[in-house]
Amino acid sequence: MRVAFCEGTGRAIVSMPTLSCRRPCFFEKNRGPGFGGGKNVEFRLKEIQGKPLVEVDGSLDRDSVLQIRKPLLKVARRKEVRELTIDLSQVSRMDTSGIAVLVEVLRVISAKGGKLRLANVSETASRMIHLAGMEKAFDQPAG
């Protein structure tokens, strides 16, 4: 059994997947895209030497991943894409939702025998990748 506390009301939560007690409070009413200092995510697709490069700018968290998931997967699913590079230098915030999207893209690319590269990984993104134990999957140095 897992016990946590709602960030807004301080009430105990038992075995819930999120830190919300489902009771309306200041925290929940004011939670929206970019809450907590982050911002919405921007997605830019470039081509460098015939290979796609995706630049991600902003928050890659539960409030913003839906904005980037479909476009990223669309690029990854293109038949001619064997190598995809995602530039994370401008990622200001990342949570497990961001990791989940990257894993989903990795699976699509790997199923075709391709490779996903993460470039210029920001300190925030690097820390989240480390906490998730995904350094080897994304070819990132440990620690």
N, C-alpha and C. Protein backbone atom coordinates (compact mmCIF):
# COMPACT_ATOMS: atom_id res chain seq x y z
N MET A 1 0.85 -1.17 0.00
CA MET A 1 0.00 0.00 0.00
C MET A 1 0.90 1.23 0.00
N ARG A 2 0.54 2.22 -0.81
CA ARG A 2 1.30 3.44 -0.90
C ARG A 2 0.51 4.57 -0.28
N VAL A 3 1.18 5.37 0.54
CA VAL A 3 0.53 6.51 1.15
C VAL A 3 1.27 7.76 0.72
N ALA A 4 0.52 8.76 0.28
CA ALA A 4 1.09 10.05 -0.11
C ALA A 4 0.15 11.12 0.41
N PHE A 5 0.54 12.36 0.23
CA PHE A 5 -0.29 13.48 0.67
C PHE A 5 -0.57 14.42 -0.49
N CYS A 6 -1.82 14.87 -0.58
CA CYS A 6 -2.22 15.82 -1.60
C CYS A 6 -1.42 17.11 -1.39
N GLU A 7 -0.85 17.62 -2.48
CA GLU A 7 -0.06 18.84 -2.38
C GLU A 7 -0.91 20.06 -2.01
N GLY A 8 -2.19 20.01 -2.28
CA GLY A 8 -3.04 21.16 -2.01
C GLY A 8 -3.73 21.12 -0.66
N THR A 9 -4.33 19.98 -0.31
CA THR A 9 -5.11 19.91 0.92
C THR A 9 -4.37 19.27 2.08
N GLY A 10 -3.30 18.53 1.77
CA GLY A 10 -2.57 17.85 2.83
C GLY A 10 -3.22 16.55 3.26
N ARG A 11 -4.34 16.18 2.63
CA ARG A 11 -5.03 14.93 2.98
C ARG A 11 -4.23 13.73 2.54
N ALA A 12 -4.32 12.65 3.30
CA ALA A 12 -3.62 11.41 2.96
C ALA A 12 -4.33 10.73 1.79
N ILE A 13 -3.54 10.15 0.93
CA ILE A 13 -4.04 9.43 -0.23
C ILE A 13 -3.44 8.03 -0.16
N VAL A 14 -4.26 7.01 -0.30
CA VAL A 14 -3.78 5.64 -0.20
C VAL A 14 -3.95 4.95 -1.55
N SER A 15 -2.84 4.39 -2.06
CA SER A 15 -2.83 3.60 -3.30
C SER A 15 -3.46 4.31 -4.49
N MET A 16 -3.19 5.57 -4.67
CA MET A 16 -3.68 6.29 -5.83
C MET A 16 -2.50 6.59 -6.74
N PRO A 17 -2.68 6.52 -8.06
CA PRO A 17 -1.55 6.71 -8.96
C PRO A 17 -1.05 8.15 -9.03
N THR A 18 -1.85 9.13 -8.65
CA THR A 18 -1.42 10.52 -8.68
C THR A 18 -1.49 11.11 -7.29
N LEU A 19 -0.84 12.23 -7.13
CA LEU A 19 -0.86 12.89 -5.82
C LEU A 19 -2.01 13.89 -5.75
N SER A 20 -3.20 13.41 -5.96
CA SER A 20 -4.39 14.25 -5.87
C SER A 20 -5.47 13.46 -5.15
N CYS A 21 -6.11 14.10 -4.20
CA CYS A 21 -7.13 13.39 -3.44
C CYS A 21 -8.51 13.51 -4.09
N ARG A 22 -8.57 14.09 -5.29
CA ARG A 22 -9.82 14.25 -6.05
C ARG A 22 -10.77 15.25 -5.42
N ARG A 23 -10.33 15.95 -4.42
CA ARG A 23 -11.15 16.98 -3.78
C ARG A 23 -10.70 18.33 -4.34
N PRO A 24 -11.63 19.17 -4.80
CA PRO A 24 -11.22 20.45 -5.36
C PRO A 24 -10.44 21.26 -4.34
N CYS A 25 -9.31 21.75 -4.77
CA CYS A 25 -8.50 22.58 -3.89
C CYS A 25 -7.72 23.58 -4.73
N PHE A 26 -7.02 24.46 -4.11
CA PHE A 26 -6.26 25.49 -4.82
C PHE A 26 -5.30 24.85 -5.82
N PHE A 27 -4.61 23.79 -5.39
CA PHE A 27 -3.64 23.13 -6.25
C PHE A 27 -4.28 22.64 -7.54
N GLU A 28 -5.40 21.93 -7.43
CA GLU A 28 -6.05 21.38 -8.61
C GLU A 28 -6.68 22.46 -9.49
N LYS A 29 -7.29 23.47 -8.88
CA LYS A 29 -7.93 24.52 -9.67
C LYS A 29 -6.91 25.31 -10.48
N ASN A 30 -5.69 25.44 -9.96
CA ASN A 30 -4.68 26.23 -10.62
C ASN A 30 -3.69 25.39 -11.43
N ARG A 31 -3.95 24.12 -11.51
CA ARG A 31 -3.07 23.25 -12.31
C ARG A 31 -3.54 23.28 -13.75
N GLY A 32 -2.66 23.55 -14.61
CA GLY A 32 -2.97 23.58 -16.03
C GLY A 32 -1.68 23.53 -16.80
N PRO A 33 -1.72 23.73 -18.11
CA PRO A 33 -0.49 23.68 -18.88
C PRO A 33 0.55 24.62 -18.30
N GLY A 34 1.70 24.08 -18.03
CA GLY A 34 2.79 24.90 -17.55
C GLY A 34 2.78 25.17 -16.06
N PHE A 35 1.88 24.57 -15.29
CA PHE A 35 1.85 24.81 -13.84
C PHE A 35 3.19 24.40 -13.23
N GLY A 36 3.66 25.15 -12.28
CA GLY A 36 4.90 24.82 -11.62
C GLY A 36 6.12 25.40 -12.30
N GLY A 37 5.94 26.46 -13.09
CA GLY A 37 7.07 27.12 -13.70
C GLY A 37 7.37 26.65 -15.11
N GLY A 38 6.71 25.61 -15.57
CA GLY A 38 6.95 25.13 -16.92
C GLY A 38 6.14 25.91 -17.93
N LYS A 39 6.19 25.49 -19.17
CA LYS A 39 5.40 26.13 -20.21
C LYS A 39 4.95 25.06 -21.19
N ASN A 40 4.08 25.43 -22.10
CA ASN A 40 3.67 24.47 -23.11
C ASN A 40 4.87 24.04 -23.92
N VAL A 41 4.73 22.96 -24.64
CA VAL A 41 5.83 22.41 -25.42
C VAL A 41 5.70 22.83 -26.88
N GLU A 42 6.83 23.08 -27.51
CA GLU A 42 6.87 23.39 -28.93
C GLU A 42 7.68 22.30 -29.61
N PHE A 43 7.30 21.99 -30.84
CA PHE A 43 7.87 20.91 -31.61
C PHE A 43 8.30 21.48 -32.96
N ARG A 44 9.60 21.36 -33.28
CA ARG A 44 10.09 21.83 -34.58
C ARG A 44 10.80 20.67 -35.27
N LEU A 45 10.44 20.42 -36.51
CA LEU A 45 11.05 19.34 -37.29
C LEU A 45 11.98 19.96 -38.33
N LYS A 46 13.23 19.52 -38.31
CA LYS A 46 14.23 19.95 -39.29
C LYS A 46 14.82 18.71 -39.93
N GLU A 47 15.54 18.92 -41.01
CA GLU A 47 16.23 17.80 -41.64
C GLU A 47 17.69 18.19 -41.77
N ILE A 48 18.57 17.35 -41.21
CA ILE A 48 20.01 17.59 -41.25
C ILE A 48 20.65 16.40 -41.95
N GLN A 49 21.30 16.64 -43.07
CA GLN A 49 21.92 15.60 -43.88
C GLN A 49 20.96 14.46 -44.19
N GLY A 50 19.73 14.82 -44.52
CA GLY A 50 18.72 13.84 -44.90
C GLY A 50 18.10 13.07 -43.75
N LYS A 51 18.44 13.43 -42.50
CA LYS A 51 17.89 12.74 -41.33
C LYS A 51 17.07 13.72 -40.51
N PRO A 52 15.92 13.26 -40.01
CA PRO A 52 15.06 14.16 -39.23
C PRO A 52 15.65 14.52 -37.87
N LEU A 53 15.49 15.79 -37.51
CA LEU A 53 15.89 16.30 -36.20
C LEU A 53 14.67 17.00 -35.63
N VAL A 54 14.25 16.57 -34.45
CA VAL A 54 13.12 17.17 -33.77
C VAL A 54 13.66 17.99 -32.61
N GLU A 55 13.29 19.27 -32.57
CA GLU A 55 13.68 20.12 -31.45
C GLU A 55 12.47 20.29 -30.55
N VAL A 56 12.66 20.02 -29.27
CA VAL A 56 11.59 20.13 -28.28
C VAL A 56 11.94 21.31 -27.37
N ASP A 57 10.97 22.20 -27.18
CA ASP A 57 11.19 23.41 -26.38
C ASP A 57 10.04 23.55 -25.38
N GLY A 58 10.36 23.58 -24.09
CA GLY A 58 9.35 23.77 -23.06
C GLY A 58 9.23 22.58 -22.13
N SER A 59 8.04 22.41 -21.58
CA SER A 59 7.77 21.33 -20.63
C SER A 59 7.38 20.06 -21.36
N LEU A 60 7.92 18.96 -20.93
CA LEU A 60 7.56 17.66 -21.46
C LEU A 60 7.00 16.87 -20.28
N ASP A 61 5.74 17.21 -19.92
CA ASP A 61 5.11 16.63 -18.75
C ASP A 61 3.67 16.26 -19.06
N ARG A 62 2.94 15.81 -18.05
CA ARG A 62 1.57 15.31 -18.28
C ARG A 62 0.64 16.36 -18.87
N ASP A 63 0.95 17.63 -18.66
CA ASP A 63 0.09 18.68 -19.19
C ASP A 63 0.39 19.00 -20.64
N SER A 64 1.54 18.56 -21.15
CA SER A 64 1.92 18.97 -22.50
C SER A 64 2.21 17.82 -23.46
N VAL A 65 2.37 16.59 -22.98
CA VAL A 65 2.77 15.50 -23.88
C VAL A 65 1.77 15.23 -24.99
N LEU A 66 0.50 15.50 -24.75
CA LEU A 66 -0.49 15.25 -25.81
C LEU A 66 -0.26 16.16 -27.01
N GLN A 67 0.37 17.31 -26.79
CA GLN A 67 0.67 18.22 -27.89
C GLN A 67 1.78 17.69 -28.78
N ILE A 68 2.66 16.87 -28.24
CA ILE A 68 3.83 16.42 -28.99
C ILE A 68 3.79 14.94 -29.37
N ARG A 69 3.00 14.15 -28.69
CA ARG A 69 2.99 12.70 -28.90
C ARG A 69 2.68 12.32 -30.34
N LYS A 70 1.54 12.77 -30.87
CA LYS A 70 1.14 12.39 -32.23
C LYS A 70 2.12 12.86 -33.30
N PRO A 71 2.57 14.12 -33.26
CA PRO A 71 3.54 14.53 -34.28
C PRO A 71 4.86 13.75 -34.20
N LEU A 72 5.33 13.45 -32.99
CA LEU A 72 6.56 12.68 -32.85
C LEU A 72 6.40 11.27 -33.41
N LEU A 73 5.29 10.63 -33.07
CA LEU A 73 5.04 9.27 -33.57
C LEU A 73 4.85 9.26 -35.09
N LYS A 74 4.25 10.30 -35.63
CA LYS A 74 4.06 10.40 -37.08
C LYS A 74 5.42 10.43 -37.79
N VAL A 75 6.35 11.19 -37.25
CA VAL A 75 7.70 11.25 -37.81
C VAL A 75 8.37 9.89 -37.67
N ALA A 76 8.28 9.29 -36.49
CA ALA A 76 8.94 8.00 -36.23
C ALA A 76 8.39 6.88 -37.11
N ARG A 77 7.12 6.95 -37.46
CA ARG A 77 6.48 5.88 -38.26
C ARG A 77 6.74 6.01 -39.76
N ARG A 78 7.28 7.13 -40.19
CA ARG A 78 7.55 7.28 -41.63
C ARG A 78 8.51 6.18 -42.07
N LYS A 79 8.17 5.55 -43.19
CA LYS A 79 8.90 4.40 -43.68
C LYS A 79 10.39 4.67 -43.86
N GLU A 80 10.72 5.85 -44.36
CA GLU A 80 12.12 6.16 -44.67
C GLU A 80 12.95 6.56 -43.45
N VAL A 81 12.31 6.76 -42.30
CA VAL A 81 13.04 7.19 -41.10
C VAL A 81 13.65 5.98 -40.40
N ARG A 82 14.97 5.90 -40.44
CA ARG A 82 15.72 4.83 -39.76
C ARG A 82 16.48 5.39 -38.57
N GLU A 83 16.72 6.69 -38.58
CA GLU A 83 17.42 7.33 -37.47
C GLU A 83 16.70 8.64 -37.16
N LEU A 84 16.35 8.81 -35.91
CA LEU A 84 15.65 10.02 -35.47
C LEU A 84 16.42 10.63 -34.31
N THR A 85 16.68 11.92 -34.41
CA THR A 85 17.37 12.63 -33.35
C THR A 85 16.39 13.61 -32.72
N ILE A 86 16.31 13.59 -31.39
CA ILE A 86 15.47 14.53 -30.66
C ILE A 86 16.38 15.40 -29.81
N ASP A 87 16.32 16.70 -30.05
CA ASP A 87 17.13 17.67 -29.31
C ASP A 87 16.33 18.11 -28.09
N LEU A 88 16.87 17.83 -26.91
CA LEU A 88 16.18 18.16 -25.66
C LEU A 88 16.86 19.31 -24.91
N SER A 89 17.64 20.12 -25.60
CA SER A 89 18.39 21.19 -24.94
C SER A 89 17.49 22.26 -24.32
N GLN A 90 16.29 22.44 -24.87
CA GLN A 90 15.39 23.48 -24.38
C GLN A 90 14.26 22.94 -23.50
N VAL A 91 14.38 21.69 -23.05
CA VAL A 91 13.36 21.12 -22.17
C VAL A 91 13.57 21.67 -20.77
N SER A 92 12.57 22.41 -20.28
CA SER A 92 12.67 23.07 -18.98
C SER A 92 12.10 22.23 -17.84
N ARG A 93 11.25 21.26 -18.19
CA ARG A 93 10.58 20.43 -17.18
C ARG A 93 10.24 19.11 -17.83
N MET A 94 10.42 18.02 -17.08
CA MET A 94 10.08 16.70 -17.62
C MET A 94 9.63 15.81 -16.49
N ASP A 95 8.59 15.01 -16.75
CA ASP A 95 8.15 14.02 -15.77
C ASP A 95 8.03 12.67 -16.46
N THR A 96 7.42 11.71 -15.80
CA THR A 96 7.33 10.36 -16.36
C THR A 96 6.49 10.30 -17.63
N SER A 97 5.61 11.25 -17.84
CA SER A 97 4.85 11.29 -19.09
C SER A 97 5.78 11.59 -20.26
N GLY A 98 6.74 12.46 -20.04
CA GLY A 98 7.74 12.76 -21.07
C GLY A 98 8.59 11.53 -21.38
N ILE A 99 8.98 10.81 -20.33
CA ILE A 99 9.75 9.57 -20.52
C ILE A 99 8.92 8.57 -21.31
N ALA A 100 7.63 8.45 -20.99
CA ALA A 100 6.75 7.49 -21.68
C ALA A 100 6.66 7.78 -23.17
N VAL A 101 6.58 9.05 -23.55
CA VAL A 101 6.52 9.41 -24.97
C VAL A 101 7.83 9.03 -25.65
N LEU A 102 8.95 9.30 -25.00
CA LEU A 102 10.24 8.95 -25.59
C LEU A 102 10.38 7.43 -25.74
N VAL A 103 9.90 6.67 -24.77
CA VAL A 103 9.94 5.21 -24.85
C VAL A 103 9.07 4.72 -26.01
N GLU A 104 7.91 5.34 -26.17
CA GLU A 104 7.02 4.96 -27.27
C GLU A 104 7.68 5.21 -28.62
N VAL A 105 8.33 6.35 -28.78
CA VAL A 105 9.05 6.65 -30.02
C VAL A 105 10.20 5.66 -30.21
N LEU A 106 10.92 5.35 -29.14
CA LEU A 106 12.01 4.38 -29.20
C LEU A 106 11.51 3.03 -29.70
N ARG A 107 10.38 2.58 -29.19
CA ARG A 107 9.81 1.29 -29.62
C ARG A 107 9.46 1.28 -31.10
N VAL A 108 8.86 2.37 -31.58
CA VAL A 108 8.47 2.46 -33.00
C VAL A 108 9.72 2.41 -33.88
N ILE A 109 10.72 3.20 -33.53
CA ILE A 109 11.96 3.25 -34.32
C ILE A 109 12.69 1.90 -34.25
N SER A 110 12.78 1.32 -33.06
CA SER A 110 13.50 0.05 -32.89
C SER A 110 12.83 -1.09 -33.64
N ALA A 111 11.51 -1.08 -33.73
CA ALA A 111 10.77 -2.13 -34.44
C ALA A 111 11.13 -2.15 -35.92
N LYS A 112 11.59 -1.01 -36.44
CA LYS A 112 12.01 -0.93 -37.85
C LYS A 112 13.50 -1.15 -38.00
N GLY A 113 14.18 -1.46 -36.89
CA GLY A 113 15.63 -1.63 -36.94
C GLY A 113 16.37 -0.30 -36.93
N GLY A 114 15.67 0.76 -36.54
CA GLY A 114 16.26 2.08 -36.52
C GLY A 114 16.84 2.46 -35.17
N LYS A 115 17.26 3.73 -35.07
CA LYS A 115 17.90 4.20 -33.85
C LYS A 115 17.34 5.56 -33.46
N LEU A 116 17.08 5.72 -32.16
CA LEU A 116 16.66 7.01 -31.60
C LEU A 116 17.84 7.60 -30.87
N ARG A 117 18.17 8.84 -31.20
CA ARG A 117 19.24 9.56 -30.51
C ARG A 117 18.66 10.75 -29.79
N LEU A 118 19.08 10.95 -28.55
CA LEU A 118 18.72 12.15 -27.81
C LEU A 118 19.95 13.04 -27.81
N ALA A 119 19.78 14.28 -28.28
CA ALA A 119 20.91 15.20 -28.40
C ALA A 119 20.75 16.37 -27.45
N ASN A 120 21.89 16.90 -26.99
CA ASN A 120 21.91 18.11 -26.17
C ASN A 120 20.90 18.05 -25.02
N VAL A 121 20.91 16.96 -24.31
CA VAL A 121 19.92 16.72 -23.26
C VAL A 121 20.11 17.72 -22.11
N SER A 122 19.05 18.47 -21.79
CA SER A 122 19.12 19.45 -20.71
C SER A 122 19.33 18.74 -19.38
N GLU A 123 19.79 19.49 -18.39
CA GLU A 123 20.03 18.91 -17.06
C GLU A 123 18.73 18.32 -16.49
N THR A 124 17.63 19.03 -16.68
CA THR A 124 16.33 18.57 -16.18
C THR A 124 15.94 17.23 -16.82
N ALA A 125 16.05 17.15 -18.15
CA ALA A 125 15.70 15.92 -18.86
C ALA A 125 16.65 14.79 -18.48
N SER A 126 17.93 15.11 -18.37
CA SER A 126 18.93 14.10 -18.01
C SER A 126 18.65 13.52 -16.62
N ARG A 127 18.28 14.37 -15.69
CA ARG A 127 17.97 13.92 -14.34
C ARG A 127 16.76 12.98 -14.36
N MET A 128 15.74 13.30 -15.13
CA MET A 128 14.54 12.46 -15.20
C MET A 128 14.85 11.12 -15.87
N ILE A 129 15.67 11.15 -16.92
CA ILE A 129 16.08 9.91 -17.58
C ILE A 129 16.84 9.02 -16.59
N HIS A 130 17.70 9.63 -15.80
CA HIS A 130 18.46 8.89 -14.79
C HIS A 130 17.53 8.31 -13.72
N LEU A 131 16.60 9.12 -13.21
CA LEU A 131 15.68 8.65 -12.17
C LEU A 131 14.81 7.50 -12.67
N ALA A 132 14.49 7.51 -13.96
CA ALA A 132 13.67 6.46 -14.55
C ALA A 132 14.51 5.21 -14.88
N GLY A 133 15.82 5.32 -14.75
CA GLY A 133 16.70 4.19 -15.06
C GLY A 133 16.77 3.89 -16.54
N MET A 134 16.64 4.92 -17.37
CA MET A 134 16.57 4.72 -18.82
C MET A 134 17.84 5.16 -19.56
N GLU A 135 18.95 5.34 -18.84
CA GLU A 135 20.18 5.81 -19.47
C GLU A 135 20.62 4.90 -20.61
N LYS A 136 20.61 3.59 -20.36
CA LYS A 136 21.07 2.63 -21.39
C LYS A 136 20.13 2.61 -22.59
N ALA A 137 18.85 2.68 -22.36
CA ALA A 137 17.88 2.65 -23.47
C ALA A 137 18.06 3.85 -24.39
N PHE A 138 18.41 4.99 -23.78
CA PHE A 138 18.58 6.22 -24.58
C PHE A 138 20.05 6.57 -24.81
N ASP A 139 20.95 5.62 -24.53
CA ASP A 139 22.40 5.85 -24.70
C ASP A 139 22.88 7.10 -24.02
N GLN A 140 22.46 7.28 -22.77
CA GLN A 140 22.87 8.43 -21.98
C GLN A 140 23.86 7.98 -20.91
N PRO A 141 24.88 8.82 -20.61
CA PRO A 141 25.79 8.44 -19.53
C PRO A 141 25.09 8.40 -18.18
N ALA A 142 25.42 7.44 -17.36
CA ALA A 142 24.80 7.30 -16.03
C ALA A 142 25.26 8.42 -15.10
N GLY A 143 24.34 8.85 -14.23
CA GLY A 143 24.68 9.84 -13.20
C GLY A 143 24.52 11.19 -13.74
